[in-house]
Amino acid sequence: MKEEHQVEVGHRLRNYRLHLYGSQEAFANKLQISRALLNLVERGRRPLTLKVALRLHRSDGLSLDAIYAGLIRTNKERLMLKPPEGDPQQ
């Protein structure tokens, strides 16, 4: 179950990144982590730490409920649920 949750969190982050930041490099810089770590988080291979989630909350206003549980309250958070059109991994 833990790995499945990590994968879901990773998918939400990836969707959000693709909508608003494009490259992993730009999003990783925003989160103050390496691109390699972001890649692992997006693929569900590493958990998203609370420290990094709080950075995203503070910078972009996403709730921790949206990041970790997919509980969406705003249009911006809604971007986490839907891959952008033309995404090859849809």
Protein backbone atom coordinates (compact mmCIF):
# COMPACT_ATOMS: atom_id res chain seq x y z
CA MET A 1 0.00 0.00 0.00
CA LYS A 2 2.83 2.41 0.84
CA GLU A 3 4.41 2.05 -2.62
CA GLU A 4 1.01 2.53 -4.28
CA HIS A 5 0.53 5.78 -2.34
CA GLN A 6 4.01 6.99 -3.38
CA VAL A 7 3.12 6.32 -7.01
CA GLU A 8 -0.15 8.28 -6.69
CA VAL A 9 1.64 11.25 -5.08
CA GLY A 10 4.27 11.09 -7.81
CA HIS A 11 1.65 11.15 -10.55
CA ARG A 12 -0.06 14.16 -9.00
CA LEU A 13 3.24 16.04 -8.81
CA ARG A 14 4.14 15.13 -12.38
CA ASN A 15 0.79 16.34 -13.70
CA TYR A 16 1.14 19.59 -11.79
CA ARG A 17 4.71 20.10 -13.00
CA LEU A 18 3.79 19.50 -16.63
CA HIS A 19 0.94 22.02 -16.46
CA LEU A 20 2.85 24.83 -14.76
CA TYR A 21 6.60 24.27 -14.92
CA GLY A 22 7.31 22.03 -17.89
CA SER A 23 10.76 20.66 -17.21
CA GLN A 24 11.83 18.61 -14.24
CA GLU A 25 14.82 20.94 -13.90
CA ALA A 26 12.63 24.03 -13.38
CA PHE A 27 10.33 22.28 -10.90
CA ALA A 28 13.24 20.71 -9.01
CA ASN A 29 14.86 24.13 -8.68
CA LYS A 30 11.59 25.54 -7.34
CA LEU A 31 11.46 22.73 -4.74
CA GLN A 32 15.19 23.03 -3.97
CA ILE A 33 15.88 19.38 -4.77
CA SER A 34 17.87 17.66 -7.49
CA ARG A 35 16.28 16.75 -10.79
CA ALA A 36 17.26 13.13 -10.11
CA LEU A 37 15.35 13.11 -6.80
CA LEU A 38 12.30 14.70 -8.44
CA ASN A 39 12.40 12.00 -11.10
CA LEU A 40 12.40 9.29 -8.43
CA VAL A 41 9.52 10.95 -6.54
CA GLU A 42 7.45 11.34 -9.73
CA ARG A 43 7.93 7.65 -10.52
CA GLY A 44 7.00 6.58 -6.98
CA ARG A 45 10.47 5.26 -6.21
CA ARG A 46 11.08 7.73 -3.36
CA PRO A 47 8.58 9.33 -1.00
CA LEU A 48 7.88 13.05 -1.09
CA THR A 49 9.19 14.39 2.20
CA LEU A 50 7.11 16.72 4.30
CA LYS A 51 9.87 19.32 4.02
CA VAL A 52 9.57 19.39 0.22
CA ALA A 53 5.76 19.26 0.31
CA LEU A 54 5.77 22.29 2.61
CA ARG A 55 7.96 24.17 0.14
CA LEU A 56 5.39 23.47 -2.57
CA HIS A 57 2.59 24.53 -0.23
CA ARG A 58 4.34 27.81 0.62
CA SER A 59 5.40 28.67 -2.92
CA ASP A 60 2.31 27.57 -4.88
CA GLY A 61 -0.43 27.43 -2.26
CA LEU A 62 -1.20 23.75 -2.71
CA SER A 63 -2.67 22.08 0.36
CA LEU A 64 -0.98 19.07 1.87
CA ASP A 65 -4.33 17.27 1.50
CA ALA A 66 -4.14 17.81 -2.26
CA ILE A 67 -0.50 16.74 -2.50
CA TYR A 68 -0.71 13.63 -0.33
CA ALA A 69 -4.35 12.54 -0.54
CA GLY A 70 -5.69 14.04 -3.76
CA LEU A 71 -8.34 16.06 -1.88
CA ILE A 72 -8.86 18.92 -4.29
CA ARG A 73 -10.33 22.29 -3.30
CA THR A 74 -9.01 24.77 -5.88
CA ASN A 75 -8.64 24.96 -9.64
CA LYS A 76 -4.87 25.08 -9.26
CA GLU A 77 -4.95 21.84 -7.25
CA ARG A 78 -7.19 20.30 -9.90
CA LEU A 79 -4.18 20.36 -12.25
CA MET A 80 -2.71 17.57 -10.14
CA LEU A 81 -5.42 15.16 -11.23
CA LYS A 82 -5.28 15.51 -14.98
CA PRO A 83 -2.27 15.05 -17.26
CA PRO A 84 -1.89 17.77 -19.89
CA GLU A 85 -3.18 17.02 -23.37
CA GLY A 86 -0.61 15.29 -25.52
CA ASP A 87 1.22 13.78 -22.54
CA PRO A 88 2.73 10.51 -23.81
CA GLN A 89 2.15 8.84 -20.44
CA GLN A 90 -1.62 9.41 -20.37
